[in-house]
Amino acid sequence: MPKQKHTDLIGELSNTGLVTGQDRVVVGFSGGADSLTLLHLLVRLRDRLGLELHAAHLNHQLRGGEADADAQSAIDTACGWQVPCTVGVRDVRSLARGWRVGIEAAARRARYEFLCGVAKEVGALKIAVGHTADDQAETVLMHVLRGAGLSGLAGMRYRVAVPSCQDDQVVLVRPLLQVSRRRIEAYCAAHGLVPRTDASNLDETLFRNRVRHEVLPFLERIRPGVWQSLVQLGELAAADELALEELLAQQWAGLVNQAARGEVTLDRSVWQELPLSLRRRALRRAVYLATAGGGPPDFGQLEAARRQSETGQSGTEVQFADGARLEVRYDRLVFTAVPWGQPVDSLEFPQLEPGIELAVPAPRWDVPLRGWGVPVPGGVALPNSGWRVETQRLSAGEQLLSDARHNTDRWQAYLDADQAGEPVVLRTRRPGERFQPLGLAGRSMLVSDFMVNQRIPRRYRAGMPLLSNAAGQILWIPGYRLAHPVRITTDTRTALRISLRRL
């Protein structure tokens, strides 16, 4: 790096606007030069801006006694500056195995989850970390070498939502992102600060360390000032990235069917109408949301997902390296944060274990059935499904006819109680069985054919709960169709209202 004259950084940090008056800030504090400088600067600004500071140090359990000494040093330094400090411990190696990611990715995820937890405990809405301009240059170059798109070229942002925080109000800020590492070292020397040295930063088996100690110095010899060019590339890409993100945001409400941690569903036809750039961007965002801030998919994974989403048949799956999975359906693209081969705890489809024994006092069945007995009236949680079934008896009348006719809740049905008979049970399908769906004038069809026609994904068909009576007659396929014989008519004397609800 070219030599730069040391200047006090206090004014530059103030001018970023990332930390303002009366902020309560959690400071990620490893004890290295960057975080030590950041905490020292914020302590100097504390009285002037009315800041409330809280240091947070995470022991990754990767360096034995040396890591323990770092944790104690963090506590001593923070206490010496009258800053409360929280120290956490995570077994990052075990987490990397469980998450099926590398040590670097696991450490990053664990670190942000820890910082979010501390922010929640102390009521802070900002988390400050000490990333520098050198870190930015390394990040941009790493993304170039990995074949990243515009989002990767933008590198790190000054202010972003925190990947692992469920509270959208909490933001991550990087007040030193324009400051070179050489100036950080000069600041420490000028103020008598003694940083801790992390030996793992010299481990050149790690990608970032190879870029830092081998690739960037080599490029600097070929093209002096290359790190500044990389930082500039990041700034230019960030501006273009923001414009494209705004375009996607305008389409997002009509594109996403549901989005929650663990599962995100996109409308396939709407997605296919987007320009190529926005199609890729929407897939990347869906993976990010489903995994609650997991690492972005690489280009190869993203392209495989795009091709299958555009042309793949229903039931096609794509697995991402971070454990996310895409399932292509007839009209939807479903992203789940579930590793390959494990069942999905679906937000969309209730599931029963096929052939489960009765858990409510069992009646005498006319034919052998195995299922989940439904109390009438009453309610009960279905086993291992995240859903609950509830029932209620209703008297006949105009109101009943109106409610049944105008029912728009796919997980609720009105049945003629006399025609249905009792007891009723939720169970899974049996091979070759048929039922009489409402709308076919009493004609029957195979349950398997009905599920195919309704485009129920193959993986959920075996576990779909069916409401049946003691004779084995299917009364309702929840979420899809009532049986013709149990529909509400003017002859109905007593009705049964049954509903399934997510817990």
Protein backbone atom coordinates (compact mmCIF):
# COMPACT_ATOMS: atom_id res chain seq x y z
CA MET A 1 0.00 0.00 0.00
CA PRO A 2 1.25 3.52 -0.67
CA LYS A 3 2.23 5.48 2.40
CA GLN A 4 -0.41 7.87 3.64
CA LYS A 5 -0.04 10.64 6.12
CA HIS A 6 -1.76 9.75 9.37
CA THR A 7 -4.67 11.98 10.31
CA ASP A 8 -7.03 11.72 13.21
CA LEU A 9 -10.00 9.65 12.09
CA ILE A 10 -12.54 11.14 14.48
CA GLY A 11 -13.85 13.70 11.99
CA GLU A 12 -14.09 11.17 9.16
CA LEU A 13 -16.11 8.78 11.29
CA SER A 14 -18.44 11.60 12.35
CA ASN A 15 -18.96 12.68 8.74
CA THR A 16 -20.14 9.24 7.60
CA GLY A 17 -23.46 9.78 9.40
CA LEU A 18 -23.50 6.08 10.27
CA VAL A 19 -23.34 6.76 13.99
CA THR A 20 -25.42 9.70 15.23
CA GLY A 21 -26.54 11.28 18.45
CA GLN A 22 -28.29 9.14 21.08
CA ASP A 23 -27.54 5.87 19.22
CA ARG A 24 -27.26 2.67 21.22
CA VAL A 25 -24.56 0.68 19.41
CA VAL A 26 -23.23 -2.85 19.75
CA VAL A 27 -19.60 -2.89 18.61
CA GLY A 28 -18.16 -6.11 17.23
CA PHE A 29 -14.88 -6.26 19.15
CA SER A 30 -12.28 -8.91 18.32
CA GLY A 31 -9.41 -6.92 19.84
CA GLY A 32 -7.59 -6.66 16.51
CA ALA A 33 -6.40 -3.32 15.13
CA ASP A 34 -9.59 -2.57 13.18
CA SER A 35 -12.13 -3.21 15.94
CA LEU A 36 -9.82 -1.69 18.57
CA THR A 37 -9.62 1.53 16.55
CA LEU A 38 -13.39 1.55 15.99
CA LEU A 39 -14.22 1.13 19.67
CA HIS A 40 -11.64 3.73 20.70
CA LEU A 41 -13.08 6.27 18.25
CA LEU A 42 -16.63 5.64 19.45
CA VAL A 43 -15.55 6.02 23.07
CA ARG A 44 -14.03 9.38 22.17
CA LEU A 45 -17.35 10.38 20.54
CA ARG A 46 -19.51 8.94 23.30
CA ASP A 47 -20.02 12.07 25.36
CA ARG A 48 -20.22 14.41 22.38
CA LEU A 49 -22.96 12.39 20.65
CA GLY A 50 -24.63 10.85 23.69
CA LEU A 51 -23.83 7.31 22.52
CA GLU A 52 -24.55 4.16 24.48
CA LEU A 53 -21.92 1.57 23.62
CA HIS A 54 -21.79 -2.17 24.24
CA ALA A 55 -18.85 -4.30 23.13
CA ALA A 56 -19.45 -7.86 21.92
CA HIS A 57 -16.67 -10.45 21.52
CA LEU A 58 -17.17 -13.96 20.15
CA ASN A 59 -14.79 -16.83 20.94
CA HIS A 60 -14.95 -19.17 17.93
CA GLN A 61 -13.13 -21.97 19.82
CA LEU A 62 -10.67 -22.35 16.97
CA ARG A 63 -7.43 -21.37 18.74
CA GLY A 64 -7.61 -22.87 22.22
CA GLY A 65 -5.95 -20.88 24.99
CA GLU A 66 -5.02 -18.05 22.63
CA ALA A 67 -8.71 -17.41 21.92
CA ASP A 68 -9.46 -17.45 25.65
CA ALA A 69 -6.75 -14.83 26.18
CA ASP A 70 -8.29 -12.69 23.41
CA ALA A 71 -11.65 -12.85 25.16
CA GLN A 72 -10.14 -11.78 28.49
CA SER A 73 -8.27 -8.95 26.78
CA ALA A 74 -11.51 -7.75 25.18
CA ILE A 75 -13.19 -7.66 28.57
CA ASP A 76 -10.27 -5.82 30.17
CA THR A 77 -10.06 -3.23 27.39
CA ALA A 78 -13.79 -2.55 27.32
CA CYS A 79 -14.02 -2.28 31.09
CA GLY A 80 -11.02 0.05 31.13
CA TRP A 81 -12.96 2.34 28.80
CA GLN A 82 -16.14 1.90 30.84
CA VAL A 83 -17.92 0.02 28.07
CA PRO A 84 -20.03 -3.01 29.05
CA CYS A 85 -18.88 -6.14 27.23
CA THR A 86 -20.56 -9.44 26.36
CA VAL A 87 -18.42 -12.46 25.48
CA GLY A 88 -19.97 -15.39 23.64
CA VAL A 89 -18.63 -18.83 22.76
CA ARG A 90 -19.48 -20.86 19.65
CA ASP A 91 -17.98 -24.14 18.46
CA VAL A 92 -17.52 -23.01 14.85
CA ARG A 93 -16.07 -26.33 13.63
CA SER A 94 -19.17 -28.18 14.78
CA LEU A 95 -21.40 -25.49 13.29
CA ALA A 96 -19.59 -25.76 9.95
CA ARG A 97 -20.25 -29.50 9.88
CA GLY A 98 -23.90 -29.04 10.82
CA TRP A 99 -24.47 -26.25 8.32
CA ARG A 100 -22.39 -27.99 5.65
CA VAL A 101 -20.30 -24.90 4.96
CA GLY A 102 -16.64 -23.95 5.31
CA ILE A 103 -15.04 -22.62 8.48
CA GLU A 104 -14.98 -19.04 7.18
CA ALA A 105 -18.68 -19.06 6.27
CA ALA A 106 -19.65 -20.72 9.56
CA ALA A 107 -17.62 -18.20 11.57
CA ARG A 108 -19.26 -15.30 9.74
CA ARG A 109 -22.77 -16.64 10.31
CA ALA A 110 -22.10 -17.45 13.96
CA ARG A 111 -20.63 -14.01 14.50
CA TYR A 112 -23.64 -12.16 13.10
CA GLU A 113 -26.09 -14.37 14.99
CA PHE A 114 -24.18 -13.57 18.18
CA LEU A 115 -24.11 -9.82 17.48
CA CYS A 116 -27.83 -9.85 16.75
CA GLY A 117 -28.49 -11.65 20.02
CA VAL A 118 -26.51 -9.07 21.96
CA ALA A 119 -28.30 -6.21 20.17
CA LYS A 120 -31.64 -7.70 21.14
CA GLU A 121 -30.58 -8.11 24.77
CA VAL A 122 -29.39 -4.52 25.17
CA GLY A 123 -32.03 -2.90 22.94
CA ALA A 124 -29.58 -1.64 20.31
CA LEU A 125 -30.67 -0.87 16.75
CA LYS A 126 -27.13 -0.55 15.34
CA ILE A 127 -24.25 -2.99 15.14
CA ALA A 128 -20.90 -1.47 14.18
CA VAL A 129 -18.01 -3.53 12.79
CA GLY A 130 -14.48 -2.50 11.84
CA HIS A 131 -14.22 -3.46 8.17
CA THR A 132 -11.73 -1.26 6.32
CA ALA A 133 -10.98 -0.23 2.73
CA ASP A 134 -8.45 -3.08 2.53
CA ASP A 135 -11.16 -5.54 3.56
CA GLN A 136 -13.36 -4.07 0.84
CA ALA A 137 -10.65 -4.47 -1.80
CA GLU A 138 -10.09 -8.08 -0.72
CA THR A 139 -13.82 -8.80 -0.78
CA VAL A 140 -14.31 -7.35 -4.27
CA LEU A 141 -11.31 -9.29 -5.62
CA MET A 142 -12.48 -12.52 -3.99
CA HIS A 143 -15.86 -12.06 -5.64
CA VAL A 144 -14.19 -11.39 -9.00
CA LEU A 145 -12.18 -14.60 -8.67
CA ARG A 146 -15.33 -16.53 -7.78
CA GLY A 147 -17.15 -15.21 -10.83
CA ALA A 148 -19.66 -13.08 -8.94
CA GLY A 149 -22.18 -10.81 -10.58
CA LEU A 150 -22.91 -7.16 -9.92
CA SER A 151 -24.00 -7.81 -6.34
CA GLY A 152 -20.68 -9.45 -5.54
CA LEU A 153 -18.68 -6.72 -7.27
CA ALA A 154 -20.39 -4.16 -5.03
CA GLY A 155 -18.59 -5.74 -2.08
CA MET A 156 -19.59 -4.68 1.40
CA ARG A 157 -22.08 -1.88 2.06
CA TYR A 158 -21.71 0.94 4.56
CA ARG A 159 -25.15 0.26 5.99
CA VAL A 160 -27.16 -2.95 5.55
CA ALA A 161 -29.76 -5.08 7.25
CA VAL A 162 -28.08 -7.67 9.43
CA PRO A 163 -28.27 -11.15 7.81
CA SER A 164 -29.15 -13.08 10.96
CA CYS A 165 -31.42 -10.55 12.69
CA GLN A 166 -35.16 -11.13 12.58
CA ASP A 167 -35.71 -7.50 13.64
CA ASP A 168 -35.68 -5.45 10.42
CA GLN A 169 -34.92 -2.29 12.41
CA VAL A 170 -31.44 -3.50 13.38
CA VAL A 171 -28.79 -2.34 10.90
CA LEU A 172 -25.12 -3.16 10.45
CA VAL A 173 -22.82 -0.17 9.89
CA ARG A 174 -19.18 -0.06 8.75
CA PRO A 175 -17.85 3.40 9.71
CA LEU A 176 -14.24 2.61 8.68
CA LEU A 177 -14.94 1.23 5.22
CA GLN A 178 -13.11 4.14 3.53
CA VAL A 179 -10.08 3.93 5.83
CA SER A 180 -6.99 1.96 4.80
CA ARG A 181 -5.37 -0.59 7.08
CA ARG A 182 -2.16 1.45 7.07
CA ARG A 183 -4.02 4.40 8.58
CA ILE A 184 -5.60 2.11 11.16
CA GLU A 185 -2.14 0.93 12.20
CA ALA A 186 -0.92 4.53 12.36
CA TYR A 187 -3.89 5.46 14.55
CA CYS A 188 -3.12 2.62 16.97
CA ALA A 189 0.51 3.73 17.20
CA ALA A 190 -0.43 7.38 17.74
CA HIS A 191 -2.83 6.52 20.59
CA GLY A 192 -0.79 3.77 22.24
CA LEU A 193 -3.27 1.03 21.37
CA VAL A 194 -1.91 -2.51 21.38
CA PRO A 195 -4.00 -4.79 19.15
CA ARG A 196 -4.29 -8.53 19.62
CA THR A 197 -2.83 -10.63 16.83
CA ASP A 198 -4.92 -13.49 15.49
CA ALA A 199 -2.58 -16.19 14.18
CA SER A 200 -5.36 -17.54 11.96
CA ASN A 201 -5.02 -14.39 9.84
CA LEU A 202 -1.72 -15.86 8.63
CA ASP A 203 -3.24 -19.22 7.69
CA GLU A 204 -2.93 -19.24 3.92
CA THR A 205 -5.15 -22.29 3.53
CA LEU A 206 -8.00 -19.77 3.95
CA PHE A 207 -9.09 -18.04 0.76
CA ARG A 208 -9.14 -14.50 2.14
CA ASN A 209 -5.67 -14.86 3.61
CA ARG A 210 -4.22 -16.05 0.30
CA VAL A 211 -5.80 -13.04 -1.42
CA ARG A 212 -4.46 -10.73 1.31
CA HIS A 213 -0.91 -12.03 1.54
CA GLU A 214 -0.25 -13.32 -1.99
CA VAL A 215 -2.63 -12.09 -4.68
CA LEU A 216 -3.05 -8.42 -3.73
CA PRO A 217 0.68 -7.78 -3.08
CA PHE A 218 1.44 -9.37 -6.47
CA LEU A 219 -1.14 -7.18 -8.22
CA GLU A 220 0.14 -4.12 -6.36
CA ARG A 221 3.61 -4.71 -7.83
CA ILE A 222 2.12 -4.94 -11.32
CA ARG A 223 -0.32 -2.07 -10.91
CA PRO A 224 0.37 0.23 -7.94
CA GLY A 225 -2.85 1.42 -6.35
CA VAL A 226 -4.82 -1.64 -7.43
CA TRP A 227 -6.56 -1.83 -4.07
CA GLN A 228 -7.95 1.67 -4.66
CA SER A 229 -9.20 0.57 -8.09
CA LEU A 230 -10.98 -2.38 -6.48
CA VAL A 231 -12.62 -0.11 -3.92
CA GLN A 232 -13.73 2.21 -6.73
CA LEU A 233 -15.14 -0.79 -8.64
CA GLY A 234 -17.14 -1.68 -5.56
CA GLU A 235 -18.58 1.83 -5.30
CA LEU A 236 -19.60 1.91 -8.98
CA ALA A 237 -21.13 -1.55 -8.81
CA ALA A 238 -23.00 -0.65 -5.61
CA ALA A 239 -24.74 2.27 -7.34
CA ASP A 240 -25.85 0.08 -10.26
CA GLU A 241 -26.83 -2.68 -7.87
CA LEU A 242 -29.07 -0.29 -5.95
CA ALA A 243 -30.87 0.72 -9.16
CA LEU A 244 -31.56 -2.93 -10.09
CA GLU A 245 -32.68 -3.74 -6.55
CA GLU A 246 -35.21 -0.91 -6.78
CA LEU A 247 -36.54 -2.39 -10.03
CA LEU A 248 -36.91 -5.80 -8.37
CA ALA A 249 -38.60 -4.22 -5.36
CA GLN A 250 -41.26 -2.80 -7.68
CA GLN A 251 -42.02 -6.34 -8.93
CA TRP A 252 -41.57 -8.22 -5.65
CA ALA A 253 -45.08 -7.85 -4.22
CA GLY A 254 -46.63 -9.41 -7.33
CA LEU A 255 -43.91 -12.05 -7.55
CA VAL A 256 -43.73 -13.53 -4.06
CA ASN A 257 -46.61 -15.71 -2.81
CA GLN A 258 -45.22 -16.11 0.69
CA ALA A 259 -41.93 -15.38 2.38
CA ALA A 260 -40.87 -16.56 5.81
CA ARG A 261 -37.74 -17.88 7.40
CA GLY A 262 -37.37 -21.40 6.09
CA GLU A 263 -39.61 -21.13 3.02
CA VAL A 264 -40.12 -18.64 0.18
CA THR A 265 -42.54 -19.19 -2.71
CA LEU A 266 -42.45 -17.28 -6.02
CA ASP A 267 -45.12 -17.16 -8.71
CA ARG A 268 -43.48 -19.02 -11.58
CA SER A 269 -45.39 -17.35 -14.42
CA VAL A 270 -44.72 -13.83 -13.08
CA TRP A 271 -41.06 -14.72 -12.58
CA GLN A 272 -40.74 -15.96 -16.17
CA GLU A 273 -41.93 -12.59 -17.48
CA LEU A 274 -39.07 -10.70 -15.80
CA PRO A 275 -35.90 -9.68 -17.69
CA LEU A 276 -33.02 -12.14 -17.30
CA SER A 277 -31.14 -9.93 -14.84
CA LEU A 278 -34.16 -9.65 -12.55
CA ARG A 279 -34.92 -13.37 -12.82
CA ARG A 280 -31.45 -14.20 -11.51
CA ARG A 281 -31.73 -11.51 -8.87
CA ALA A 282 -35.12 -12.80 -7.68
CA LEU A 283 -33.76 -16.34 -7.30
CA ARG A 284 -30.79 -15.06 -5.32
CA ARG A 285 -33.04 -13.04 -3.03
CA ALA A 286 -35.35 -16.01 -2.46
CA VAL A 287 -32.42 -18.19 -1.38
CA TYR A 288 -31.19 -15.41 0.89
CA LEU A 289 -34.58 -14.98 2.55
CA ALA A 290 -35.23 -18.71 2.94
CA THR A 291 -31.88 -19.27 4.62
CA ALA A 292 -32.20 -16.10 6.76
CA GLY A 293 -29.03 -14.57 5.36
CA GLY A 294 -27.03 -17.62 4.33
CA GLY A 295 -24.24 -17.29 1.79
CA PRO A 296 -25.27 -16.34 -1.76
CA PRO A 297 -25.38 -19.17 -4.32
CA ASP A 298 -22.51 -19.30 -6.79
CA PHE A 299 -23.13 -18.66 -10.46
CA GLY A 300 -23.27 -22.34 -11.40
CA GLN A 301 -25.92 -23.09 -8.79
CA LEU A 302 -27.89 -19.99 -9.72
CA GLU A 303 -27.82 -20.84 -13.43
CA ALA A 304 -28.92 -24.42 -12.75
CA ALA A 305 -31.81 -23.05 -10.71
CA ARG A 306 -32.71 -20.56 -13.45
CA ARG A 307 -32.72 -23.18 -16.21
CA GLN A 308 -34.83 -25.61 -14.20
CA SER A 309 -37.22 -22.82 -13.20
CA GLU A 310 -37.67 -21.80 -16.84
CA THR A 311 -38.05 -25.23 -18.44
CA GLY A 312 -38.03 -27.92 -15.74
CA GLN A 313 -40.98 -30.20 -15.07
CA SER A 314 -42.92 -30.05 -11.82
CA GLY A 315 -41.06 -31.90 -9.08
CA THR A 316 -37.59 -30.95 -10.35
CA GLU A 317 -35.24 -29.98 -7.52
CA VAL A 318 -32.01 -28.00 -7.28
CA GLN A 319 -29.78 -28.16 -4.21
CA PHE A 320 -27.67 -25.17 -3.15
CA ALA A 321 -24.38 -25.51 -1.30
CA ASP A 322 -25.60 -23.67 1.81
CA GLY A 323 -28.40 -26.20 2.40
CA ALA A 324 -31.18 -24.35 0.57
CA ARG A 325 -33.30 -26.29 -1.89
CA LEU A 326 -35.45 -25.19 -4.83
CA GLU A 327 -38.46 -27.23 -5.87
CA VAL A 328 -40.00 -26.38 -9.24
CA ARG A 329 -43.78 -26.81 -9.32
CA TYR A 330 -46.36 -26.25 -12.02
CA ASP A 331 -47.02 -22.66 -11.09
CA ARG A 332 -44.61 -21.93 -8.25
CA LEU A 333 -40.95 -21.92 -7.28
CA VAL A 334 -40.50 -23.02 -3.67
CA PHE A 335 -37.24 -22.34 -1.82
CA THR A 336 -36.68 -24.12 1.49
CA ALA A 337 -33.79 -24.01 3.93
CA VAL A 338 -33.67 -27.80 4.25
CA PRO A 339 -30.66 -29.98 3.33
CA TRP A 340 -30.99 -32.59 0.61
CA GLY A 341 -32.81 -35.74 1.66
CA GLN A 342 -34.51 -34.24 4.71
CA PRO A 343 -38.28 -33.64 4.85
CA VAL A 344 -39.61 -30.13 4.46
CA ASP A 345 -41.62 -28.65 7.31
CA SER A 346 -43.86 -27.01 4.76
CA LEU A 347 -45.72 -23.79 5.41
CA GLU A 348 -48.13 -24.72 2.64
CA PHE A 349 -49.04 -28.40 3.08
CA PRO A 350 -50.02 -30.12 6.33
CA GLN A 351 -48.44 -33.55 6.53
CA LEU A 352 -49.26 -36.73 8.43
CA GLU A 353 -47.07 -39.74 8.94
CA PRO A 354 -48.72 -42.47 6.85
CA GLY A 355 -50.46 -45.09 8.98
CA ILE A 356 -50.11 -43.32 12.31
CA GLU A 357 -52.01 -44.88 15.22
CA LEU A 358 -55.05 -43.17 16.73
CA ALA A 359 -54.23 -40.63 19.41
CA VAL A 360 -57.81 -39.85 20.47
CA PRO A 361 -60.00 -42.56 22.10
CA ALA A 362 -60.53 -44.94 19.21
CA PRO A 363 -64.04 -45.83 18.05
CA ARG A 364 -65.03 -49.20 16.65
CA TRP A 365 -64.28 -48.97 12.99
CA ASP A 366 -66.46 -50.75 10.43
CA VAL A 367 -63.30 -51.37 8.42
CA PRO A 368 -59.69 -51.27 9.65
CA LEU A 369 -58.36 -47.73 9.43
CA ARG A 370 -55.30 -46.11 10.88
CA GLY A 371 -55.40 -42.35 11.28
CA TRP A 372 -55.73 -39.40 13.60
CA GLY A 373 -59.08 -39.30 15.37
CA VAL A 374 -60.82 -35.93 15.30
CA PRO A 375 -62.92 -34.96 18.36
CA VAL A 376 -66.36 -33.48 17.56
CA PRO A 377 -66.69 -30.81 18.78
CA GLY A 378 -63.16 -29.90 19.86
CA GLY A 379 -59.66 -29.63 18.55
CA VAL A 380 -56.32 -31.38 18.60
CA ALA A 381 -52.81 -30.75 17.27
CA LEU A 382 -51.70 -33.12 14.54
CA PRO A 383 -48.50 -35.00 15.32
CA ASN A 384 -45.22 -33.65 13.99
CA SER A 385 -46.94 -31.40 11.46
CA GLY A 386 -47.22 -27.89 12.90
CA TRP A 387 -50.99 -27.93 12.24
CA ARG A 388 -54.11 -28.20 14.41
CA VAL A 389 -57.61 -29.45 13.51
CA GLU A 390 -60.73 -27.91 15.09
CA THR A 391 -64.41 -28.88 14.75
CA GLN A 392 -67.76 -27.34 15.66
CA ARG A 393 -71.41 -28.41 15.31
CA LEU A 394 -73.79 -25.96 13.65
CA SER A 395 -77.57 -25.84 13.29
CA ALA A 396 -79.24 -25.66 9.88
CA GLY A 397 -80.60 -22.39 8.58
CA GLU A 398 -80.10 -19.57 6.12
CA GLN A 399 -76.94 -18.43 7.85
CA LEU A 400 -75.39 -21.88 7.49
CA LEU A 401 -76.26 -22.01 3.79
CA SER A 402 -74.77 -18.55 3.28
CA ASP A 403 -71.58 -19.34 5.24
CA ALA A 404 -71.04 -22.57 3.33
CA ARG A 405 -71.74 -20.95 -0.04
CA HIS A 406 -69.39 -18.02 0.58
CA ASN A 407 -66.60 -19.90 2.33
CA THR A 408 -63.27 -18.81 0.79
CA ASP A 409 -60.98 -20.45 3.35
CA ARG A 410 -59.42 -23.44 1.64
CA TRP A 411 -58.51 -24.96 5.02
CA GLN A 412 -62.11 -24.84 6.30
CA ALA A 413 -65.11 -26.92 5.19
CA TYR A 414 -68.80 -27.25 6.03
CA LEU A 415 -70.14 -30.82 5.97
CA ASP A 416 -73.60 -32.30 6.36
CA ALA A 417 -73.10 -34.10 9.67
CA ASP A 418 -75.75 -36.74 9.05
CA GLN A 419 -74.29 -37.64 5.66
CA ALA A 420 -70.74 -37.65 6.99
CA GLY A 421 -71.44 -39.82 10.01
CA GLU A 422 -69.26 -40.15 13.05
CA PRO A 423 -66.57 -40.61 14.08
CA VAL A 424 -64.34 -38.77 11.61
CA VAL A 425 -60.60 -39.20 11.20
CA LEU A 426 -57.73 -37.54 9.39
CA ARG A 427 -55.60 -40.11 7.64
CA THR A 428 -53.37 -40.55 4.61
CA ARG A 429 -54.46 -42.06 1.32
CA ARG A 430 -54.64 -45.78 0.57
CA PRO A 431 -53.57 -47.36 -2.75
CA GLY A 432 -56.22 -47.24 -5.45
CA GLU A 433 -58.93 -45.51 -3.41
CA ARG A 434 -61.47 -43.16 -4.96
CA PHE A 435 -63.66 -40.29 -3.86
CA GLN A 436 -66.48 -38.14 -5.24
CA PRO A 437 -65.23 -34.57 -5.51
CA LEU A 438 -67.80 -31.78 -5.41
CA GLY A 439 -68.48 -30.56 -8.94
CA LEU A 440 -68.53 -33.94 -10.68
CA ALA A 441 -72.24 -34.56 -9.99
CA GLY A 442 -71.51 -37.56 -7.83
CA ARG A 443 -69.02 -39.25 -10.15
CA SER A 444 -65.86 -40.63 -8.54
CA MET A 445 -62.20 -40.53 -9.46
CA LEU A 446 -58.94 -41.91 -8.14
CA VAL A 447 -57.48 -39.85 -5.30
CA SER A 448 -54.09 -40.13 -6.98
CA ASP A 449 -55.48 -38.65 -10.21
CA PHE A 450 -57.16 -35.86 -8.30
CA MET A 451 -53.88 -34.92 -6.61
CA VAL A 452 -52.08 -34.86 -9.96
CA ASN A 453 -54.83 -32.70 -11.49
CA GLN A 454 -54.63 -30.30 -8.57
CA ARG A 455 -50.86 -30.11 -9.01
CA ILE A 456 -50.09 -31.17 -5.48
CA PRO A 457 -46.30 -31.71 -5.48
CA ARG A 458 -45.36 -35.39 -5.51
CA ARG A 459 -43.37 -35.18 -2.27
CA TYR A 460 -46.49 -34.13 -0.30
CA ARG A 461 -49.08 -36.54 -1.70
CA ALA A 462 -48.31 -39.51 0.53
CA GLY A 463 -48.60 -37.40 3.68
CA MET A 464 -51.60 -35.24 2.73
CA PRO A 465 -54.33 -35.57 5.40
CA LEU A 466 -57.71 -36.76 4.14
CA LEU A 467 -60.88 -36.45 6.24
CA SER A 468 -62.75 -39.73 6.24
CA ASN A 469 -65.53 -41.43 8.20
CA ALA A 470 -65.54 -44.80 9.91
CA ALA A 471 -66.51 -46.54 6.69
CA GLY A 472 -63.41 -45.20 4.96
CA GLN A 473 -65.38 -42.75 2.77
CA ILE A 474 -63.35 -39.63 1.99
CA LEU A 475 -65.29 -36.54 3.06
CA TRP A 476 -62.80 -33.77 2.33
CA ILE A 477 -59.32 -33.30 0.95
CA PRO A 478 -58.28 -30.27 3.02
CA GLY A 479 -57.18 -27.33 0.98
CA TYR A 480 -58.73 -28.69 -2.22
CA ARG A 481 -62.19 -30.25 -2.42
CA LEU A 482 -65.20 -31.36 -0.40
CA ALA A 483 -66.87 -34.65 -1.29
CA HIS A 484 -70.18 -34.38 -3.17
CA PRO A 485 -72.29 -36.53 -0.77
CA VAL A 486 -71.55 -34.34 2.29
CA ARG A 487 -72.22 -30.93 0.74
CA ILE A 488 -74.55 -28.54 2.58
CA THR A 489 -78.07 -28.45 1.04
CA THR A 490 -81.50 -27.15 2.03
CA ASP A 491 -82.14 -30.62 3.52
CA THR A 492 -79.17 -30.35 5.91
CA ARG A 493 -80.32 -30.48 9.55
CA THR A 494 -76.95 -30.41 11.36
CA ALA A 495 -73.57 -29.36 10.00
CA LEU A 496 -70.00 -29.95 10.96
CA ARG A 497 -67.50 -27.14 10.46
CA ILE A 498 -63.92 -28.40 10.39
CA SER A 499 -60.76 -26.38 9.90
CA LEU A 500 -57.02 -26.87 9.83
CA ARG A 501 -54.81 -24.13 11.23
CA ARG A 502 -51.04 -23.67 11.32
CA LEU A 503 -49.73 -23.54 14.86
